[in-house]
């Protein structure tokens, strides 16, 4: 990666981490996927009950594979015929793993969800929530983060799932009410009521959408 991009990401991450701290959340910076994986495994004790949403970033740093093969009680929702049953187990897990659709430079997390299992678990239930967030998702403010979530993340995810939405056909948000829409619930996490619950590993390499 270009050394100027590395420097920019490092400096911006310092600002984001301070913002997270002011919101009762804890941030870390990992320059590479490998460093991010090592930090995540450092934060998750062996024997923990862990589950996750559909965060691509978690797969891309190798965290899901490491947890499946390690000494952890990893709830793999893909192994369940009843997806609702698997989703409900998240609310009593030790760790819930997620990425976010966008976040702000001062530490606000923005997420959009279709079935809402992900945003509801982020908001309440699991003892701890661990986010893996690449620096390409950091925006100036909440308006910018919301725009990124709706105009970048949502269309790509709609295409990934083969959904029949205007954004999957055009790549642009139409604020639609399509039966296939994945923009059903919007969660803006501006503060964590419970200290040490929400942890965010920022990653210098691009991940997810």
N, C-alpha and C. Protein backbone atom coordinates (compact mmCIF):
# COMPACT_ATOMS: atom_id res chain seq x y z
N UNK A 1 0.84 -1.19 0.00
CA UNK A 1 0.00 0.00 0.00
C UNK A 1 0.88 1.25 0.00
N UNK A 2 0.44 2.29 -0.70
CA UNK A 2 1.16 3.55 -0.77
C UNK A 2 1.43 4.10 0.63
N UNK A 3 2.66 4.56 0.86
CA UNK A 3 3.05 5.01 2.20
C UNK A 3 2.24 6.22 2.67
N UNK A 4 1.77 7.04 1.73
CA UNK A 4 0.95 8.19 2.11
C UNK A 4 -0.44 7.76 2.58
N UNK A 5 -0.97 6.71 1.95
CA UNK A 5 -2.26 6.17 2.39
C UNK A 5 -2.11 5.56 3.78
N UNK A 6 -1.00 4.85 4.00
CA UNK A 6 -0.73 4.25 5.30
C UNK A 6 -0.67 5.33 6.37
N UNK A 7 0.03 6.41 6.06
CA UNK A 7 0.16 7.50 7.03
C UNK A 7 -1.19 8.14 7.31
N UNK A 8 -1.94 8.39 6.25
CA UNK A 8 -3.27 9.00 6.42
C UNK A 8 -4.17 8.12 7.27
N UNK A 9 -4.21 6.81 6.98
CA UNK A 9 -5.05 5.90 7.74
C UNK A 9 -4.65 5.84 9.21
N UNK A 10 -3.35 5.84 9.46
CA UNK A 10 -2.85 5.79 10.83
C UNK A 10 -3.28 7.02 11.62
N UNK A 11 -3.14 8.19 11.00
CA UNK A 11 -3.52 9.43 11.67
C UNK A 11 -5.03 9.53 11.86
N UNK A 12 -5.78 9.14 10.84
CA UNK A 12 -7.24 9.19 10.95
C UNK A 12 -7.74 8.19 11.99
N UNK A 13 -7.12 7.02 12.05
CA UNK A 13 -7.52 6.01 13.04
C UNK A 13 -7.36 6.55 14.46
N UNK A 14 -6.31 7.34 14.70
CA UNK A 14 -6.12 7.93 16.03
C UNK A 14 -7.31 8.82 16.39
N UNK A 15 -7.80 9.58 15.43
CA UNK A 15 -8.96 10.45 15.65
C UNK A 15 -10.22 9.63 15.92
N UNK A 16 -10.41 8.58 15.13
CA UNK A 16 -11.59 7.73 15.29
C UNK A 16 -11.58 7.05 16.66
N UNK A 17 -10.41 6.56 17.07
CA UNK A 17 -10.29 5.88 18.37
C UNK A 17 -10.61 6.83 19.52
N UNK A 18 -10.17 8.08 19.42
CA UNK A 18 -10.52 9.08 20.44
C UNK A 18 -12.03 9.33 20.45
N UNK A 19 -12.61 9.38 19.27
CA UNK A 19 -14.06 9.55 19.18
C UNK A 19 -14.81 8.40 19.80
N UNK A 20 -14.35 7.19 19.54
CA UNK A 20 -14.98 6.01 20.14
C UNK A 20 -14.88 6.06 21.67
N UNK A 21 -13.71 6.44 22.18
CA UNK A 21 -13.52 6.52 23.63
C UNK A 21 -14.49 7.52 24.25
N UNK A 22 -14.74 8.63 23.56
CA UNK A 22 -15.67 9.64 24.08
C UNK A 22 -17.11 9.13 24.10
N UNK A 23 -17.35 8.03 23.40
CA UNK A 23 -18.68 7.44 23.31
C UNK A 23 -18.76 6.12 24.08
N UNK A 24 -17.82 5.91 24.98
CA UNK A 24 -17.80 4.73 25.85
C UNK A 24 -17.56 3.43 25.08
N UNK A 25 -16.85 3.55 23.95
CA UNK A 25 -16.49 2.39 23.15
C UNK A 25 -14.96 2.35 23.03
N UNK A 26 -14.42 1.18 22.72
CA UNK A 26 -12.97 1.01 22.66
C UNK A 26 -12.54 0.71 21.23
N UNK A 27 -11.55 1.46 20.76
CA UNK A 27 -11.05 1.26 19.41
C UNK A 27 -9.60 0.82 19.38
N UNK A 28 -9.22 0.14 18.31
CA UNK A 28 -7.85 -0.33 18.08
C UNK A 28 -7.55 -0.12 16.60
N UNK A 29 -6.28 -0.03 16.26
CA UNK A 29 -5.93 0.09 14.85
C UNK A 29 -4.97 -1.02 14.45
N UNK A 30 -5.32 -1.71 13.37
CA UNK A 30 -4.46 -2.74 12.79
C UNK A 30 -4.18 -2.34 11.35
N UNK A 31 -2.93 -2.26 10.99
CA UNK A 31 -2.58 -1.82 9.64
C UNK A 31 -2.91 -2.88 8.60
N UNK A 32 -2.84 -4.15 8.98
CA UNK A 32 -3.07 -5.23 8.02
C UNK A 32 -4.15 -6.19 8.52
N UNK A 33 -4.62 -7.04 7.61
CA UNK A 33 -5.59 -8.07 7.96
C UNK A 33 -5.02 -9.01 9.02
N UNK A 34 -3.75 -9.35 8.87
CA UNK A 34 -3.11 -10.27 9.81
C UNK A 34 -3.06 -9.68 11.22
N UNK A 35 -2.74 -8.38 11.30
CA UNK A 35 -2.73 -7.72 12.60
C UNK A 35 -4.14 -7.65 13.19
N UNK A 36 -5.13 -7.44 12.34
CA UNK A 36 -6.51 -7.38 12.80
C UNK A 36 -6.96 -8.72 13.37
N UNK A 37 -6.58 -9.80 12.69
CA UNK A 37 -6.92 -11.14 13.16
C UNK A 37 -6.28 -11.40 14.51
N UNK A 38 -5.01 -11.07 14.64
CA UNK A 38 -4.30 -11.31 15.90
C UNK A 38 -4.94 -10.52 17.03
N UNK A 39 -5.34 -9.28 16.77
CA UNK A 39 -5.97 -8.45 17.80
C UNK A 39 -7.32 -9.02 18.20
N UNK A 40 -8.09 -9.47 17.23
CA UNK A 40 -9.41 -10.04 17.53
C UNK A 40 -9.27 -11.27 18.42
N UNK A 41 -8.34 -12.15 18.08
CA UNK A 41 -8.15 -13.37 18.86
C UNK A 41 -7.61 -13.04 20.26
N UNK A 42 -6.88 -11.95 20.39
CA UNK A 42 -6.40 -11.50 21.69
C UNK A 42 -7.57 -11.05 22.58
N UNK A 43 -8.59 -10.47 21.94
CA UNK A 43 -9.73 -9.93 22.69
C UNK A 43 -10.77 -10.99 23.06
N UNK A 44 -10.78 -12.11 22.32
CA UNK A 44 -11.80 -13.14 22.53
C UNK A 44 -11.20 -14.31 23.31
N UNK A 45 -11.57 -14.51 24.57
CA UNK A 45 -11.02 -15.64 25.34
C UNK A 45 -11.47 -16.98 24.76
N UNK A 46 -10.60 -17.97 24.85
CA UNK A 46 -10.99 -19.32 24.44
C UNK A 46 -12.17 -19.79 25.28
N UNK A 47 -13.03 -20.58 24.66
CA UNK A 47 -14.22 -21.07 25.35
C UNK A 47 -15.42 -20.16 25.21
N UNK A 48 -15.23 -18.97 24.63
CA UNK A 48 -16.33 -18.01 24.48
C UNK A 48 -17.39 -18.52 23.51
N UNK A 49 -18.64 -18.17 23.81
CA UNK A 49 -19.74 -18.42 22.87
C UNK A 49 -19.79 -17.23 21.92
N UNK A 50 -19.67 -17.51 20.62
CA UNK A 50 -19.53 -16.45 19.62
C UNK A 50 -20.48 -16.69 18.47
N UNK A 51 -21.08 -15.61 17.99
CA UNK A 51 -21.87 -15.68 16.76
C UNK A 51 -21.67 -14.39 15.98
N UNK A 52 -22.28 -14.31 14.82
CA UNK A 52 -22.03 -13.16 13.96
C UNK A 52 -23.17 -12.97 12.98
N UNK A 53 -23.16 -11.80 12.33
CA UNK A 53 -24.07 -11.54 11.23
C UNK A 53 -23.39 -11.98 9.93
N UNK A 54 -23.64 -11.23 8.89
CA UNK A 54 -23.07 -11.63 7.60
C UNK A 54 -21.89 -10.80 7.18
N UNK A 55 -21.15 -10.25 8.14
CA UNK A 55 -20.05 -9.33 7.84
C UNK A 55 -18.95 -9.95 7.00
N UNK A 56 -18.75 -9.44 5.80
CA UNK A 56 -17.71 -9.96 4.91
C UNK A 56 -16.32 -9.69 5.48
N UNK A 57 -16.16 -8.57 6.19
CA UNK A 57 -14.85 -8.22 6.73
C UNK A 57 -14.33 -9.28 7.70
N UNK A 58 -15.24 -9.89 8.44
CA UNK A 58 -14.87 -10.93 9.41
C UNK A 58 -14.29 -12.15 8.68
N UNK A 59 -14.90 -12.49 7.56
CA UNK A 59 -14.38 -13.60 6.75
C UNK A 59 -13.05 -13.22 6.11
N UNK A 60 -12.96 -11.98 5.65
CA UNK A 60 -11.79 -11.57 4.87
C UNK A 60 -10.50 -11.51 5.70
N UNK A 61 -10.61 -11.26 7.00
CA UNK A 61 -9.38 -11.29 7.82
C UNK A 61 -9.10 -12.69 8.35
N UNK A 62 -9.99 -13.65 8.07
CA UNK A 62 -9.78 -15.03 8.51
C UNK A 62 -10.29 -15.32 9.91
N UNK A 63 -11.08 -14.40 10.47
CA UNK A 63 -11.52 -14.58 11.86
C UNK A 63 -12.54 -15.70 12.00
N UNK A 64 -13.50 -15.78 11.10
CA UNK A 64 -14.52 -16.82 11.21
C UNK A 64 -13.90 -18.21 11.12
N UNK A 65 -12.95 -18.40 10.21
CA UNK A 65 -12.28 -19.71 10.09
C UNK A 65 -11.47 -20.04 11.34
N UNK A 66 -10.80 -19.03 11.90
CA UNK A 66 -10.00 -19.26 13.11
C UNK A 66 -10.87 -19.66 14.29
N UNK A 67 -12.05 -19.09 14.38
CA UNK A 67 -12.95 -19.41 15.49
C UNK A 67 -13.60 -20.79 15.31
N UNK A 68 -13.89 -21.14 14.07
CA UNK A 68 -14.50 -22.45 13.80
C UNK A 68 -13.54 -23.58 14.14
N UNK A 69 -12.25 -23.36 13.92
CA UNK A 69 -11.27 -24.43 14.13
C UNK A 69 -10.59 -24.33 15.49
N UNK A 70 -10.82 -23.26 16.21
CA UNK A 70 -10.17 -23.07 17.50
C UNK A 70 -11.02 -23.55 18.66
N UNK A 71 -10.56 -23.26 19.88
CA UNK A 71 -11.23 -23.70 21.10
C UNK A 71 -12.30 -22.67 21.50
N UNK A 72 -13.34 -22.59 20.66
CA UNK A 72 -14.42 -21.65 20.89
C UNK A 72 -15.76 -22.34 20.61
N UNK A 73 -16.81 -21.82 21.19
CA UNK A 73 -18.16 -22.29 20.89
C UNK A 73 -18.74 -21.35 19.85
N UNK A 74 -18.40 -21.62 18.60
CA UNK A 74 -18.81 -20.74 17.50
C UNK A 74 -20.14 -21.21 16.93
N UNK A 75 -21.14 -20.33 16.98
CA UNK A 75 -22.46 -20.65 16.45
C UNK A 75 -22.48 -20.27 14.97
N UNK A 76 -22.43 -21.26 14.11
CA UNK A 76 -22.40 -21.04 12.67
C UNK A 76 -23.83 -21.11 12.15
N UNK A 77 -24.40 -19.96 11.85
CA UNK A 77 -25.80 -19.94 11.44
C UNK A 77 -26.03 -20.69 10.12
N UNK A 78 -24.96 -20.82 9.32
CA UNK A 78 -25.11 -21.55 8.06
C UNK A 78 -25.32 -23.05 8.29
N UNK A 79 -25.02 -23.51 9.50
CA UNK A 79 -25.21 -24.93 9.82
C UNK A 79 -26.63 -25.22 10.31
N UNK A 80 -27.44 -24.18 10.45
CA UNK A 80 -28.80 -24.34 10.96
C UNK A 80 -29.81 -24.29 9.83
N UNK A 81 -30.74 -25.26 9.83
CA UNK A 81 -31.85 -25.20 8.88
C UNK A 81 -32.81 -24.07 9.28
N UNK A 82 -32.98 -23.89 10.58
CA UNK A 82 -33.84 -22.84 11.11
C UNK A 82 -32.98 -21.61 11.41
N UNK A 83 -32.95 -20.66 10.49
CA UNK A 83 -32.09 -19.48 10.65
C UNK A 83 -32.54 -18.60 11.81
N UNK A 84 -33.85 -18.58 12.08
CA UNK A 84 -34.35 -17.79 13.20
C UNK A 84 -33.81 -18.34 14.52
N UNK A 85 -33.76 -19.64 14.64
CA UNK A 85 -33.22 -20.27 15.85
C UNK A 85 -31.77 -19.85 16.06
N UNK A 86 -30.99 -19.85 14.99
CA UNK A 86 -29.59 -19.46 15.09
C UNK A 86 -29.46 -17.98 15.45
N UNK A 87 -30.32 -17.16 14.86
CA UNK A 87 -30.26 -15.72 15.13
C UNK A 87 -30.59 -15.41 16.58
N UNK A 88 -31.54 -16.12 17.15
CA UNK A 88 -31.95 -15.87 18.53
C UNK A 88 -30.85 -16.24 19.53
N UNK A 89 -30.00 -17.18 19.17
CA UNK A 89 -28.90 -17.57 20.06
C UNK A 89 -27.90 -16.43 20.26
N UNK A 90 -27.91 -15.46 19.34
CA UNK A 90 -26.96 -14.35 19.43
C UNK A 90 -27.19 -13.51 20.68
N UNK A 91 -28.42 -13.43 21.15
CA UNK A 91 -28.74 -12.50 22.23
C UNK A 91 -28.14 -12.90 23.57
N UNK A 92 -27.70 -14.14 23.70
CA UNK A 92 -27.09 -14.56 24.95
C UNK A 92 -25.63 -14.97 24.76
N UNK A 93 -25.06 -14.60 23.61
CA UNK A 93 -23.67 -14.96 23.32
C UNK A 93 -22.70 -14.08 24.09
N UNK A 94 -21.48 -14.59 24.25
CA UNK A 94 -20.43 -13.78 24.87
C UNK A 94 -19.95 -12.69 23.92
N UNK A 95 -19.84 -13.04 22.63
CA UNK A 95 -19.37 -12.09 21.63
C UNK A 95 -20.26 -12.15 20.39
N UNK A 96 -20.61 -10.99 19.89
CA UNK A 96 -21.26 -10.89 18.58
C UNK A 96 -20.30 -10.16 17.66
N UNK A 97 -20.00 -10.76 16.52
CA UNK A 97 -19.07 -10.18 15.56
C UNK A 97 -19.83 -9.47 14.45
N UNK A 98 -19.35 -8.29 14.08
CA UNK A 98 -20.02 -7.53 13.03
C UNK A 98 -19.03 -6.62 12.34
N UNK A 99 -19.42 -6.18 11.17
CA UNK A 99 -18.76 -5.03 10.57
C UNK A 99 -19.79 -3.91 10.63
N UNK A 100 -19.53 -2.81 9.96
CA UNK A 100 -20.57 -1.79 9.88
C UNK A 100 -20.60 -1.27 8.45
N UNK A 101 -21.73 -0.70 8.08
CA UNK A 101 -21.86 -0.17 6.72
C UNK A 101 -21.09 1.12 6.55
N UNK A 102 -20.95 1.87 7.63
CA UNK A 102 -20.18 3.11 7.60
C UNK A 102 -20.02 3.61 9.03
N UNK A 103 -19.02 4.49 9.24
CA UNK A 103 -18.88 5.12 10.55
C UNK A 103 -18.28 6.51 10.34
N UNK A 104 -18.36 7.33 11.38
CA UNK A 104 -17.88 8.69 11.27
C UNK A 104 -16.49 8.83 11.89
N UNK A 105 -15.84 9.93 11.55
CA UNK A 105 -14.51 10.19 12.09
C UNK A 105 -14.52 10.37 13.61
N UNK A 106 -15.70 10.74 14.16
CA UNK A 106 -15.77 10.90 15.61
C UNK A 106 -16.45 9.73 16.31
N UNK A 107 -16.50 8.56 15.62
CA UNK A 107 -16.85 7.32 16.29
C UNK A 107 -18.29 6.87 16.30
N UNK A 108 -19.14 7.43 15.45
CA UNK A 108 -20.53 6.98 15.35
C UNK A 108 -20.61 5.86 14.32
N UNK A 109 -21.30 4.76 14.67
CA UNK A 109 -21.44 3.60 13.80
C UNK A 109 -22.82 3.61 13.14
N UNK A 110 -22.87 3.36 11.84
CA UNK A 110 -24.13 3.35 11.10
C UNK A 110 -24.32 1.99 10.43
N UNK A 111 -25.48 1.39 10.68
CA UNK A 111 -25.79 0.08 10.09
C UNK A 111 -27.22 0.04 9.57
N UNK A 112 -27.40 -0.62 8.42
CA UNK A 112 -28.71 -0.83 7.82
C UNK A 112 -28.94 -2.33 7.73
N UNK A 113 -30.17 -2.76 7.97
CA UNK A 113 -30.45 -4.19 8.00
C UNK A 113 -31.81 -4.51 7.38
N UNK A 114 -31.90 -5.70 6.82
CA UNK A 114 -33.16 -6.16 6.24
C UNK A 114 -33.98 -6.93 7.24
N UNK A 115 -33.46 -8.07 7.71
CA UNK A 115 -34.18 -8.89 8.69
C UNK A 115 -34.05 -8.34 10.11
N UNK A 116 -33.09 -7.48 10.32
CA UNK A 116 -32.90 -6.76 11.60
C UNK A 116 -32.27 -7.60 12.70
N UNK A 117 -31.91 -8.84 12.42
CA UNK A 117 -31.23 -9.65 13.44
C UNK A 117 -29.87 -9.04 13.80
N UNK A 118 -29.21 -8.45 12.82
CA UNK A 118 -27.87 -7.89 13.07
C UNK A 118 -27.96 -6.62 13.90
N UNK A 119 -28.79 -5.68 13.48
CA UNK A 119 -28.85 -4.41 14.22
C UNK A 119 -29.43 -4.59 15.62
N UNK A 120 -30.34 -5.55 15.77
CA UNK A 120 -30.92 -5.77 17.10
C UNK A 120 -29.88 -6.36 18.05
N UNK A 121 -29.02 -7.26 17.54
CA UNK A 121 -27.97 -7.85 18.37
C UNK A 121 -26.90 -6.82 18.72
N UNK A 122 -26.61 -5.93 17.78
CA UNK A 122 -25.65 -4.86 18.08
C UNK A 122 -26.19 -3.98 19.20
N UNK A 123 -27.47 -3.67 19.14
CA UNK A 123 -28.07 -2.75 20.11
C UNK A 123 -28.24 -3.37 21.49
N UNK A 124 -28.58 -4.66 21.53
CA UNK A 124 -28.88 -5.28 22.84
C UNK A 124 -28.72 -6.79 22.77
N UNK A 125 -28.26 -7.38 23.87
CA UNK A 125 -28.23 -8.83 23.97
C UNK A 125 -26.85 -9.38 24.27
N UNK A 126 -26.01 -9.57 23.25
CA UNK A 126 -24.68 -10.16 23.50
C UNK A 126 -23.89 -9.35 24.51
N UNK A 127 -23.07 -10.07 25.28
CA UNK A 127 -22.29 -9.38 26.32
C UNK A 127 -21.31 -8.39 25.72
N UNK A 128 -20.70 -8.76 24.60
CA UNK A 128 -19.77 -7.87 23.91
C UNK A 128 -20.03 -7.91 22.41
N UNK A 129 -19.78 -6.79 21.77
CA UNK A 129 -19.87 -6.70 20.31
C UNK A 129 -18.50 -6.28 19.78
N UNK A 130 -17.98 -7.04 18.84
CA UNK A 130 -16.68 -6.74 18.25
C UNK A 130 -16.86 -6.42 16.78
N UNK A 131 -16.53 -5.19 16.41
CA UNK A 131 -16.62 -4.74 15.02
C UNK A 131 -15.25 -4.84 14.34
N UNK A 132 -15.27 -5.29 13.09
CA UNK A 132 -14.09 -5.22 12.22
C UNK A 132 -14.44 -4.22 11.13
N UNK A 133 -13.75 -3.07 11.10
CA UNK A 133 -14.15 -1.99 10.20
C UNK A 133 -12.93 -1.45 9.46
N UNK A 134 -12.95 -1.52 8.14
CA UNK A 134 -11.84 -0.99 7.37
C UNK A 134 -11.95 0.52 7.23
N UNK A 135 -10.82 1.16 7.05
CA UNK A 135 -10.76 2.62 7.03
C UNK A 135 -11.50 3.23 5.84
N UNK A 136 -11.76 2.44 4.80
CA UNK A 136 -12.51 2.97 3.66
C UNK A 136 -13.97 3.22 4.00
N UNK A 137 -14.41 2.79 5.17
CA UNK A 137 -15.80 3.02 5.58
C UNK A 137 -15.96 4.25 6.48
N UNK A 138 -14.86 4.93 6.75
CA UNK A 138 -14.91 6.10 7.63
C UNK A 138 -15.31 7.33 6.82
N UNK A 139 -16.35 8.03 7.30
CA UNK A 139 -16.89 9.21 6.62
C UNK A 139 -16.80 10.44 7.52
N UNK A 140 -17.01 11.60 6.93
CA UNK A 140 -16.88 12.85 7.68
C UNK A 140 -17.87 12.95 8.84
N UNK A 141 -19.14 12.63 8.56
CA UNK A 141 -20.19 12.83 9.56
C UNK A 141 -21.30 11.81 9.36
N UNK A 142 -22.36 11.92 10.17
CA UNK A 142 -23.45 10.93 10.11
C UNK A 142 -24.15 10.99 8.75
N UNK A 143 -24.37 12.18 8.22
CA UNK A 143 -25.00 12.28 6.90
C UNK A 143 -24.18 11.55 5.84
N UNK A 144 -22.87 11.74 5.88
CA UNK A 144 -22.00 11.06 4.93
C UNK A 144 -22.00 9.56 5.14
N UNK A 145 -22.02 9.13 6.40
CA UNK A 145 -22.05 7.70 6.71
C UNK A 145 -23.36 7.07 6.25
N UNK A 146 -24.47 7.77 6.47
CA UNK A 146 -25.75 7.26 6.03
C UNK A 146 -25.80 7.16 4.50
N UNK A 147 -25.25 8.17 3.84
CA UNK A 147 -25.22 8.15 2.37
C UNK A 147 -24.39 6.98 1.88
N UNK A 148 -23.25 6.73 2.52
CA UNK A 148 -22.41 5.61 2.11
C UNK A 148 -23.15 4.29 2.31
N UNK A 149 -23.80 4.15 3.46
CA UNK A 149 -24.52 2.91 3.77
C UNK A 149 -25.61 2.63 2.74
N UNK A 150 -26.32 3.68 2.34
CA UNK A 150 -27.44 3.49 1.42
C UNK A 150 -27.02 3.43 -0.04
N UNK A 151 -25.98 4.17 -0.40
CA UNK A 151 -25.62 4.29 -1.81
C UNK A 151 -24.46 3.41 -2.24
N UNK A 152 -23.71 2.89 -1.27
CA UNK A 152 -22.58 2.00 -1.59
C UNK A 152 -22.84 0.59 -1.06
N UNK A 153 -22.98 0.47 0.26
CA UNK A 153 -23.11 -0.86 0.87
C UNK A 153 -24.40 -1.56 0.47
N UNK A 154 -25.52 -0.86 0.54
CA UNK A 154 -26.81 -1.51 0.28
C UNK A 154 -26.92 -2.02 -1.17
N UNK A 155 -26.59 -1.23 -2.19
CA UNK A 155 -26.68 -1.77 -3.55
C UNK A 155 -25.78 -2.98 -3.79
N UNK A 156 -24.57 -2.95 -3.24
CA UNK A 156 -23.66 -4.09 -3.43
C UNK A 156 -24.21 -5.33 -2.74
N UNK A 157 -24.74 -5.16 -1.53
CA UNK A 157 -25.31 -6.31 -0.83
C UNK A 157 -26.56 -6.83 -1.53
N UNK A 158 -27.38 -5.93 -2.07
CA UNK A 158 -28.56 -6.36 -2.82
C UNK A 158 -28.16 -7.18 -4.05
N UNK A 159 -27.09 -6.75 -4.71
CA UNK A 159 -26.58 -7.51 -5.85
C UNK A 159 -26.01 -8.85 -5.41
N UNK A 160 -25.31 -8.83 -4.28
CA UNK A 160 -24.69 -10.06 -3.76
C UNK A 160 -25.75 -11.12 -3.45
N UNK A 161 -26.89 -10.69 -2.94
CA UNK A 161 -27.96 -11.62 -2.58
C UNK A 161 -28.93 -11.88 -3.73
N UNK A 162 -28.71 -11.24 -4.88
CA UNK A 162 -29.59 -11.45 -6.02
C UNK A 162 -30.99 -10.91 -5.81
N UNK A 163 -31.10 -9.77 -5.14
CA UNK A 163 -32.41 -9.21 -4.80
C UNK A 163 -32.95 -8.34 -5.92
N UNK A 164 -34.27 -8.31 -6.01
CA UNK A 164 -34.94 -7.55 -7.05
C UNK A 164 -35.29 -6.16 -6.52
N UNK A 165 -34.28 -5.30 -6.43
CA UNK A 165 -34.46 -3.93 -5.96
C UNK A 165 -33.94 -2.96 -7.02
N UNK A 166 -34.43 -1.73 -7.03
CA UNK A 166 -33.90 -0.75 -7.99
C UNK A 166 -32.40 -0.56 -7.87
N UNK A 167 -31.89 -0.56 -6.63
CA UNK A 167 -30.45 -0.32 -6.45
C UNK A 167 -29.60 -1.46 -7.00
N UNK A 168 -30.13 -2.69 -6.99
CA UNK A 168 -29.35 -3.81 -7.52
C UNK A 168 -29.23 -3.72 -9.04
N UNK A 169 -30.18 -3.00 -9.66
CA UNK A 169 -30.16 -2.85 -11.12
C UNK A 169 -29.37 -1.62 -11.57
N UNK A 170 -29.35 -0.59 -10.71
CA UNK A 170 -28.75 0.67 -11.12
C UNK A 170 -27.51 1.05 -10.31
N UNK A 171 -27.35 0.44 -9.13
CA UNK A 171 -26.23 0.80 -8.26
C UNK A 171 -26.48 2.06 -7.47
N UNK A 172 -27.71 2.58 -7.51
CA UNK A 172 -28.04 3.83 -6.83
C UNK A 172 -29.29 3.65 -5.97
N UNK A 173 -29.32 4.29 -4.81
CA UNK A 173 -30.46 4.18 -3.91
C UNK A 173 -31.67 4.95 -4.45
N UNK A 174 -32.84 4.30 -4.41
CA UNK A 174 -34.08 4.93 -4.83
C UNK A 174 -35.04 5.14 -3.65
N UNK A 175 -34.54 4.90 -2.43
CA UNK A 175 -35.40 5.01 -1.24
C UNK A 175 -36.66 4.18 -1.45
N UNK A 176 -36.48 2.98 -1.95
CA UNK A 176 -37.61 2.16 -2.40
C UNK A 176 -38.34 1.47 -1.26
N UNK A 177 -39.52 0.96 -1.59
CA UNK A 177 -40.30 0.12 -0.68
C UNK A 177 -40.52 -1.24 -1.33
N UNK A 178 -39.51 -1.68 -2.06
CA UNK A 178 -39.58 -2.98 -2.72
C UNK A 178 -39.71 -4.09 -1.68
N UNK A 179 -40.45 -5.15 -1.99
CA UNK A 179 -40.53 -6.29 -1.06
C UNK A 179 -39.16 -6.89 -0.75
N UNK A 180 -38.21 -6.69 -1.63
CA UNK A 180 -36.86 -7.23 -1.44
C UNK A 180 -35.91 -6.25 -0.74
N UNK A 181 -36.39 -5.07 -0.38
CA UNK A 181 -35.49 -4.07 0.19
C UNK A 181 -34.75 -4.61 1.42
N UNK A 182 -33.49 -4.24 1.54
CA UNK A 182 -32.73 -4.59 2.74
C UNK A 182 -32.54 -3.37 3.63
N UNK A 183 -33.14 -2.26 3.24
CA UNK A 183 -33.05 -1.03 4.04
C UNK A 183 -34.30 -0.89 4.91
N UNK A 184 -34.47 -1.83 5.83
CA UNK A 184 -35.67 -1.86 6.68
C UNK A 184 -35.45 -1.18 8.03
N UNK A 185 -34.30 -1.41 8.62
CA UNK A 185 -33.99 -0.85 9.93
C UNK A 185 -32.64 -0.12 9.85
N UNK A 186 -32.60 1.07 10.43
CA UNK A 186 -31.38 1.88 10.47
C UNK A 186 -30.94 2.01 11.93
N UNK A 187 -29.71 1.67 12.21
CA UNK A 187 -29.20 1.78 13.57
C UNK A 187 -28.00 2.73 13.58
N UNK A 188 -28.12 3.79 14.37
CA UNK A 188 -27.03 4.74 14.56
C UNK A 188 -26.55 4.59 16.00
N UNK A 189 -25.36 4.06 16.17
CA UNK A 189 -24.81 3.84 17.50
C UNK A 189 -23.89 5.01 17.85
N UNK A 190 -24.40 5.91 18.67
CA UNK A 190 -23.65 7.12 19.00
C UNK A 190 -23.02 7.06 20.39
N UNK A 191 -23.44 6.07 21.20
CA UNK A 191 -22.89 5.94 22.55
C UNK A 191 -23.21 4.54 23.07
N UNK A 192 -22.29 3.96 23.82
CA UNK A 192 -22.53 2.66 24.44
C UNK A 192 -22.86 2.86 25.91
N UNK A 193 -24.05 2.46 26.30
CA UNK A 193 -24.48 2.61 27.69
C UNK A 193 -23.59 1.83 28.63
N UNK A 194 -23.07 0.70 28.13
CA UNK A 194 -22.29 -0.21 28.98
C UNK A 194 -20.82 -0.20 28.54
N UNK A 195 -19.98 0.29 29.41
CA UNK A 195 -18.54 0.37 29.11
C UNK A 195 -17.97 -1.02 28.89
N UNK A 196 -17.05 -1.14 27.96
CA UNK A 196 -16.35 -2.38 27.62
C UNK A 196 -17.23 -3.35 26.84
N UNK A 197 -18.41 -2.90 26.37
CA UNK A 197 -19.25 -3.80 25.58
C UNK A 197 -18.89 -3.74 24.11
N UNK A 198 -18.69 -2.56 23.56
CA UNK A 198 -18.45 -2.42 22.13
C UNK A 198 -16.98 -2.11 21.86
N UNK A 199 -16.38 -2.98 21.05
CA UNK A 199 -14.98 -2.84 20.65
C UNK A 199 -14.91 -2.76 19.13
N UNK A 200 -14.05 -1.90 18.62
CA UNK A 200 -13.93 -1.69 17.18
C UNK A 200 -12.46 -1.82 16.76
N UNK A 201 -12.19 -2.79 15.89
CA UNK A 201 -10.85 -2.91 15.31
C UNK A 201 -10.89 -2.26 13.93
N UNK A 202 -10.18 -1.15 13.80
CA UNK A 202 -10.06 -0.46 12.52
C UNK A 202 -8.91 -1.10 11.73
N UNK A 203 -9.12 -1.28 10.44
CA UNK A 203 -8.13 -1.99 9.62
C UNK A 203 -7.69 -1.10 8.46
N UNK A 204 -6.38 -1.00 8.27
CA UNK A 204 -5.82 -0.14 7.24
C UNK A 204 -6.03 -0.62 5.82
N UNK A 205 -6.34 -1.90 5.64
CA UNK A 205 -6.60 -2.44 4.32
C UNK A 205 -8.11 -2.42 4.04
N UNK A 206 -8.47 -2.23 2.76
CA UNK A 206 -9.89 -2.21 2.40
C UNK A 206 -10.52 -3.58 2.61
N UNK A 207 -11.71 -3.57 3.23
CA UNK A 207 -12.45 -4.80 3.49
C UNK A 207 -13.93 -4.56 3.19
N UNK A 208 -14.63 -5.62 2.84
CA UNK A 208 -16.08 -5.52 2.69
C UNK A 208 -16.50 -4.50 1.66
N UNK A 209 -17.71 -3.94 1.90
CA UNK A 209 -18.26 -3.00 0.93
C UNK A 209 -18.58 -1.67 1.61
